[in-house]
Amino acid sequence: MWPVVGILVLAILVCAFEVPGLLRKRFYKDLVVFSCLLFAGVALCIAYSQDVKIPNPVDGINYLFMPLSKWLEKL
């Protein structure tokens, strides 16, 4: 419970420092990208703190490129 609260507090602090400047300068596209990346990062951190198994992206890359690698080895 406390790690989740800590992650959320840190995310709120980051928003409190970054969002006003983005709004003042009218960087709306940057604000959307910032919000999406912050949400994704917070979600992953919360999942990790709750011991949810998060897949490794390298495993997916290996799954996609292994047939190509085997085909190239045969050549």
Protein backbone atom coordinates (compact mmCIF):
# COMPACT_ATOMS: atom_id res chain seq x y z
CA MET A 1 0.00 0.00 0.00
CA TRP A 2 2.70 2.50 0.97
CA PRO A 3 4.82 2.02 -2.16
CA VAL A 4 1.77 2.81 -4.29
CA VAL A 5 1.08 5.96 -2.29
CA GLY A 6 4.74 7.00 -2.63
CA ILE A 7 4.69 6.47 -6.39
CA LEU A 8 1.49 8.49 -6.74
CA VAL A 9 2.86 11.32 -4.59
CA LEU A 10 6.02 11.49 -6.71
CA ALA A 11 3.95 11.51 -9.90
CA ILE A 12 1.81 14.35 -8.54
CA LEU A 13 4.95 16.31 -7.63
CA VAL A 14 6.39 15.82 -11.11
CA CYS A 15 3.10 17.03 -12.61
CA ALA A 16 3.05 20.04 -10.29
CA PHE A 17 6.48 21.11 -11.53
CA GLU A 18 6.14 20.30 -15.25
CA VAL A 19 2.53 20.93 -16.29
CA PRO A 20 2.27 24.66 -15.49
CA GLY A 21 5.28 25.46 -17.67
CA LEU A 22 3.93 23.41 -20.55
CA LEU A 23 0.55 25.12 -20.28
CA ARG A 24 2.10 28.59 -20.00
CA LYS A 25 4.14 28.03 -23.16
CA ARG A 26 1.12 26.39 -24.87
CA PHE A 27 2.97 23.14 -25.61
CA TYR A 28 -0.19 21.08 -25.79
CA LYS A 29 1.26 18.24 -27.87
CA ASP A 30 4.18 17.96 -25.46
CA LEU A 31 1.72 17.88 -22.58
CA VAL A 32 -0.15 14.97 -24.17
CA VAL A 33 3.08 13.02 -24.72
CA PHE A 34 4.28 13.85 -21.19
CA SER A 35 0.98 12.68 -19.71
CA CYS A 36 0.96 9.41 -21.66
CA LEU A 37 4.55 8.57 -20.73
CA LEU A 38 4.03 9.53 -17.09
CA PHE A 39 0.87 7.41 -16.91
CA ALA A 40 2.65 4.43 -18.48
CA GLY A 41 5.61 4.80 -16.11
CA VAL A 42 3.42 5.13 -13.03
CA ALA A 43 1.34 2.12 -14.08
CA LEU A 44 4.46 0.00 -14.58
CA CYS A 45 5.95 1.12 -11.27
CA ILE A 46 2.76 0.33 -9.40
CA ALA A 47 2.51 -3.08 -11.08
CA TYR A 48 6.17 -3.80 -10.24
CA SER A 49 5.66 -2.76 -6.61
CA GLN A 50 2.70 -5.18 -6.38
CA ASP A 51 4.88 -8.07 -7.69
CA VAL A 52 3.07 -8.36 -11.00
CA LYS A 53 5.16 -10.22 -13.58
CA ILE A 54 6.03 -7.69 -16.28
CA PRO A 55 7.22 -9.22 -19.55
CA ASN A 56 10.65 -8.33 -20.87
CA PRO A 57 10.49 -6.52 -24.25
CA VAL A 58 13.57 -8.40 -25.44
CA ASP A 59 11.61 -11.67 -25.30
CA GLY A 60 9.09 -10.27 -27.77
CA ILE A 61 11.82 -9.02 -30.09
CA ASN A 62 13.47 -12.46 -30.00
CA TYR A 63 10.12 -14.10 -30.78
CA LEU A 64 9.63 -11.86 -33.81
CA PHE A 65 13.14 -12.10 -35.25
CA MET A 66 14.07 -15.71 -34.44
CA PRO A 67 12.53 -17.14 -37.66
CA LEU A 68 14.44 -14.56 -39.70
CA SER A 69 17.65 -15.42 -37.88
CA LYS A 70 17.18 -19.14 -38.48
CA TRP A 71 16.43 -18.49 -42.15
CA LEU A 72 19.58 -16.37 -42.53
CA GLU A 73 21.70 -19.07 -40.85
CA LYS A 74 20.52 -21.60 -43.45
CA LEU A 75 21.74 -19.34 -46.24
